[in-house]
Amino acid sequence: MLQIHCPDCSRQYLVGTRSILSIHNTSEGVIAYVRCPEGHTTINTGTTRSIEKIGAGVERPLQPVRKSPVGAGHSF
């Protein structure tokens, strides 16, 4: 479970790991894109500096990265 803040809803939520769209390990720390229960995509991290850097960057789609187990050399 994760506690997130959604600026669109102006609310705090407790969400499960299924709400995580993607996680990125950067030199500034871990950044997680998480969907709130209302459907908004939020940026969550341990530092405000990481969020400021993202806001100053180029817009990009927030689609989660999914790799096929077969394409990654695994078979399930």
Protein backbone atom coordinates (compact mmCIF):
# COMPACT_ATOMS: atom_id res chain seq x y z
CA MET A 1 0.00 0.00 0.00
CA LEU A 2 1.13 3.53 -0.83
CA GLN A 3 -0.05 6.87 0.47
CA ILE A 4 -0.25 9.39 -2.37
CA HIS A 5 -1.41 12.95 -2.77
CA CYS A 6 -3.44 13.83 -5.86
CA PRO A 7 -3.22 17.56 -6.65
CA ASP A 8 -6.23 17.31 -9.02
CA CYS A 9 -8.46 15.93 -6.24
CA SER A 10 -6.69 17.82 -3.43
CA ARG A 11 -6.84 14.60 -1.40
CA GLN A 12 -4.61 11.96 0.13
CA TYR A 13 -5.29 8.35 -0.87
CA LEU A 14 -4.08 4.97 0.24
CA VAL A 15 -3.68 2.87 -2.92
CA GLY A 16 -2.42 -0.60 -3.72
CA THR A 17 0.50 -1.54 -5.94
CA ARG A 18 -1.87 -2.07 -8.89
CA SER A 19 -2.21 1.72 -9.06
CA ILE A 20 1.50 2.12 -9.95
CA LEU A 21 1.85 2.92 -13.65
CA SER A 22 5.65 3.05 -13.73
CA ILE A 23 8.70 3.51 -11.49
CA HIS A 24 11.91 5.22 -12.58
CA ASN A 25 15.21 5.19 -10.70
CA THR A 26 16.96 8.51 -11.40
CA SER A 27 20.07 10.21 -10.06
CA GLU A 28 17.72 12.41 -8.00
CA GLY A 29 15.86 9.44 -6.50
CA VAL A 30 12.94 7.16 -7.31
CA ILE A 31 10.00 8.64 -9.23
CA ALA A 32 6.68 6.79 -9.40
CA TYR A 33 3.74 7.55 -11.66
CA VAL A 34 0.63 6.43 -9.77
CA ARG A 35 -3.07 6.59 -10.67
CA CYS A 36 -5.42 7.89 -7.95
CA PRO A 37 -8.83 6.20 -7.44
CA GLU A 38 -10.46 8.98 -9.49
CA GLY A 39 -8.21 8.18 -12.49
CA HIS A 40 -5.70 11.06 -12.32
CA THR A 41 -2.03 10.31 -12.90
CA THR A 42 0.19 11.68 -10.13
CA ILE A 43 3.96 11.93 -9.73
CA ASN A 44 5.24 10.65 -6.41
CA THR A 45 8.77 10.78 -5.12
CA GLY A 46 10.74 11.28 -1.95
CA THR A 47 12.12 14.67 -3.03
CA THR A 48 10.45 17.81 -4.35
CA ARG A 49 13.49 18.54 -6.54
CA SER A 50 12.72 15.48 -8.70
CA ILE A 51 9.16 16.71 -9.26
CA GLU A 52 10.45 20.19 -10.21
CA LYS A 53 12.84 18.65 -12.77
CA ILE A 54 10.01 16.63 -14.31
CA GLY A 55 7.80 19.73 -14.54
CA ALA A 56 10.55 21.59 -16.39
CA GLY A 57 11.08 18.74 -18.86
CA VAL A 58 9.44 17.88 -22.14
CA GLU A 59 5.93 16.45 -22.08
CA ARG A 60 5.82 12.73 -22.77
CA PRO A 61 3.13 10.08 -22.62
CA LEU A 62 2.71 8.38 -19.25
CA GLN A 63 2.04 4.93 -20.66
CA PRO A 64 3.52 2.13 -18.55
CA VAL A 65 6.36 0.19 -20.08
CA ARG A 66 5.41 -3.46 -20.52
CA LYS A 67 7.75 -6.09 -21.80
CA SER A 68 6.69 -9.48 -22.95
CA PRO A 69 8.27 -12.33 -20.95
CA VAL A 70 9.15 -13.99 -24.27
CA GLY A 71 10.88 -10.83 -25.55
CA ALA A 72 12.88 -10.58 -22.32
CA GLY A 73 14.17 -14.14 -22.67
CA HIS A 74 11.76 -15.70 -20.18
CA SER A 75 8.92 -18.11 -20.68
CA PHE A 76 6.13 -18.50 -18.18
